Amino acid sequence: MKLDKKKSLLQKRRWRIRKKVNGTAARPRLAVHFSNKHIYAQCIDDIQGHTLASVSSVAKGSEAKANSEGAAVLGKTIAEKAVAAGIETVVFDRAGRRYHGCVKTFAEAAREGGLKF
């Protein structure tokens, strides 16, 4: 399968999921993005258009890498920040990725940190 085809299929899955997953102030969307080098995650209130909490492996002082161990570290970190901001439940937006590997590790770490989804 060519790279263009893979990217277009991922984009279609992402759009299909985003139509169904919306965040509110009471239950924000936990969006996670994985690049080849870094991981980014944020809790978003889609109605107001505000980011309520965010973490990334690019942030100063972050020792997380773009692998399963880094995903676990960032999952716990975003859970701590979200709980500190008064967020207990979220809607998980995996952005078209399969629930496997880093995505699964991130989600499990966020659940261990106190988030419910």
Protein backbone atom coordinates (compact mmCIF):
# COMPACT_ATOMS: atom_id res chain seq x y z
CA MET A 1 0.00 0.00 0.00
CA LYS A 2 1.40 3.38 -0.96
CA LEU A 3 2.00 6.06 1.64
CA ASP A 4 -0.58 8.40 0.10
CA LYS A 5 -3.25 5.73 0.41
CA LYS A 6 -2.35 5.06 4.07
CA LYS A 7 -2.49 8.75 4.92
CA SER A 8 -5.83 9.22 3.19
CA LEU A 9 -7.32 6.21 5.00
CA LEU A 10 -6.05 7.55 8.34
CA GLN A 11 -7.56 10.95 7.55
CA LYS A 12 -10.92 9.37 6.71
CA ARG A 13 -10.91 7.44 10.00
CA ARG A 14 -9.97 10.63 11.87
CA TRP A 15 -12.87 12.57 10.31
CA ARG A 16 -15.32 9.73 10.95
CA ILE A 17 -14.36 9.59 14.63
CA ARG A 18 -14.41 13.38 15.06
CA LYS A 19 -18.02 13.50 13.84
CA LYS A 20 -19.00 11.25 16.74
CA VAL A 21 -16.67 12.47 19.52
CA ASN A 22 -17.34 15.93 20.98
CA GLY A 23 -16.07 17.42 24.21
CA THR A 24 -17.95 19.67 26.62
CA ALA A 25 -16.88 21.54 29.73
CA ALA A 26 -18.31 18.75 31.90
CA ARG A 27 -16.76 15.97 29.78
CA PRO A 28 -13.92 17.28 27.59
CA ARG A 29 -12.29 15.45 24.70
CA LEU A 30 -8.89 13.93 25.43
CA ALA A 31 -7.17 14.20 22.05
CA VAL A 32 -3.85 12.46 21.56
CA HIS A 33 -1.47 12.81 18.60
CA PHE A 34 1.56 10.65 17.92
CA SER A 35 4.29 11.78 15.54
CA ASN A 36 7.48 9.86 14.82
CA LYS A 37 9.40 11.85 17.44
CA HIS A 38 6.88 13.23 19.92
CA ILE A 39 3.53 12.70 21.64
CA TYR A 40 0.98 15.47 22.24
CA ALA A 41 -2.20 15.29 24.34
CA GLN A 42 -4.79 17.84 25.38
CA CYS A 43 -8.19 18.04 27.05
CA ILE A 44 -10.44 20.18 24.86
CA ASP A 45 -13.83 21.80 25.45
CA ASP A 46 -15.17 21.81 21.86
CA ILE A 47 -18.18 23.99 22.64
CA GLN A 48 -16.08 26.91 23.93
CA GLY A 49 -13.03 26.03 21.84
CA HIS A 50 -10.69 26.02 24.84
CA THR A 51 -7.85 23.73 25.80
CA LEU A 52 -8.25 22.88 29.48
CA ALA A 53 -5.05 20.87 30.03
CA SER A 54 -2.19 19.80 27.77
CA VAL A 55 1.08 17.87 27.83
CA SER A 56 3.67 16.94 25.24
CA SER A 57 7.02 15.25 25.01
CA VAL A 58 8.40 18.49 23.53
CA ALA A 59 7.77 20.45 26.73
CA LYS A 60 10.78 21.68 28.65
CA GLY A 61 11.82 19.19 31.30
CA SER A 62 9.85 16.33 29.75
CA GLU A 63 11.80 13.09 29.54
CA ALA A 64 9.11 11.26 27.55
CA LYS A 65 9.93 9.82 24.14
CA ALA A 66 7.62 8.69 21.34
CA ASN A 67 7.37 5.10 22.57
CA SER A 68 5.25 3.11 25.02
CA GLU A 69 7.24 4.22 28.06
CA GLY A 70 6.86 7.87 27.05
CA ALA A 71 3.15 7.35 26.41
CA ALA A 72 2.76 5.96 29.94
CA VAL A 73 4.56 8.97 31.44
CA LEU A 74 2.45 11.46 29.49
CA GLY A 75 -0.76 9.56 30.27
CA LYS A 76 -0.15 9.90 33.99
CA THR A 77 0.90 13.55 33.58
CA ILE A 78 -2.24 14.56 31.65
CA ALA A 79 -4.37 12.74 34.23
CA GLU A 80 -2.72 14.70 37.06
CA LYS A 81 -3.22 18.01 35.24
CA ALA A 82 -6.83 17.20 34.37
CA VAL A 83 -7.71 16.16 37.92
CA ALA A 84 -6.07 19.36 39.21
CA ALA A 85 -8.26 21.33 36.76
CA GLY A 86 -11.38 19.58 38.10
CA ILE A 87 -11.84 17.12 35.22
CA GLU A 88 -12.78 13.57 36.16
CA THR A 89 -14.37 12.12 33.01
CA VAL A 90 -13.26 12.58 29.41
CA VAL A 91 -14.07 11.33 25.92
CA PHE A 92 -11.00 9.63 24.39
CA ASP A 93 -10.14 10.76 20.85
CA ARG A 94 -7.50 8.42 19.44
CA ALA A 95 -7.47 10.30 16.10
CA GLY A 96 -8.01 7.32 13.85
CA ARG A 97 -5.28 5.20 15.42
CA ARG A 98 -5.92 1.63 16.50
CA TYR A 99 -6.30 0.99 20.22
CA HIS A 100 -2.99 -0.84 20.39
CA GLY A 101 0.59 -0.11 21.42
CA CYS A 102 1.28 3.48 22.44
CA VAL A 103 -2.39 4.49 22.26
CA LYS A 104 -3.38 1.66 24.60
CA THR A 105 -0.49 2.39 26.98
CA PHE A 106 -1.40 6.09 27.07
CA ALA A 107 -5.07 5.35 27.80
CA GLU A 108 -4.30 2.84 30.55
CA ALA A 109 -1.87 5.25 32.23
CA ALA A 110 -4.47 8.04 32.09
CA ARG A 111 -7.01 5.71 33.71
CA GLU A 112 -4.52 4.80 36.43
CA GLY A 113 -3.98 8.52 37.01
CA GLY A 114 -7.65 9.02 37.82
CA LEU A 115 -9.44 9.81 34.55
CA LYS A 116 -12.59 7.94 33.57
CA PHE A 117 -13.51 7.25 29.95
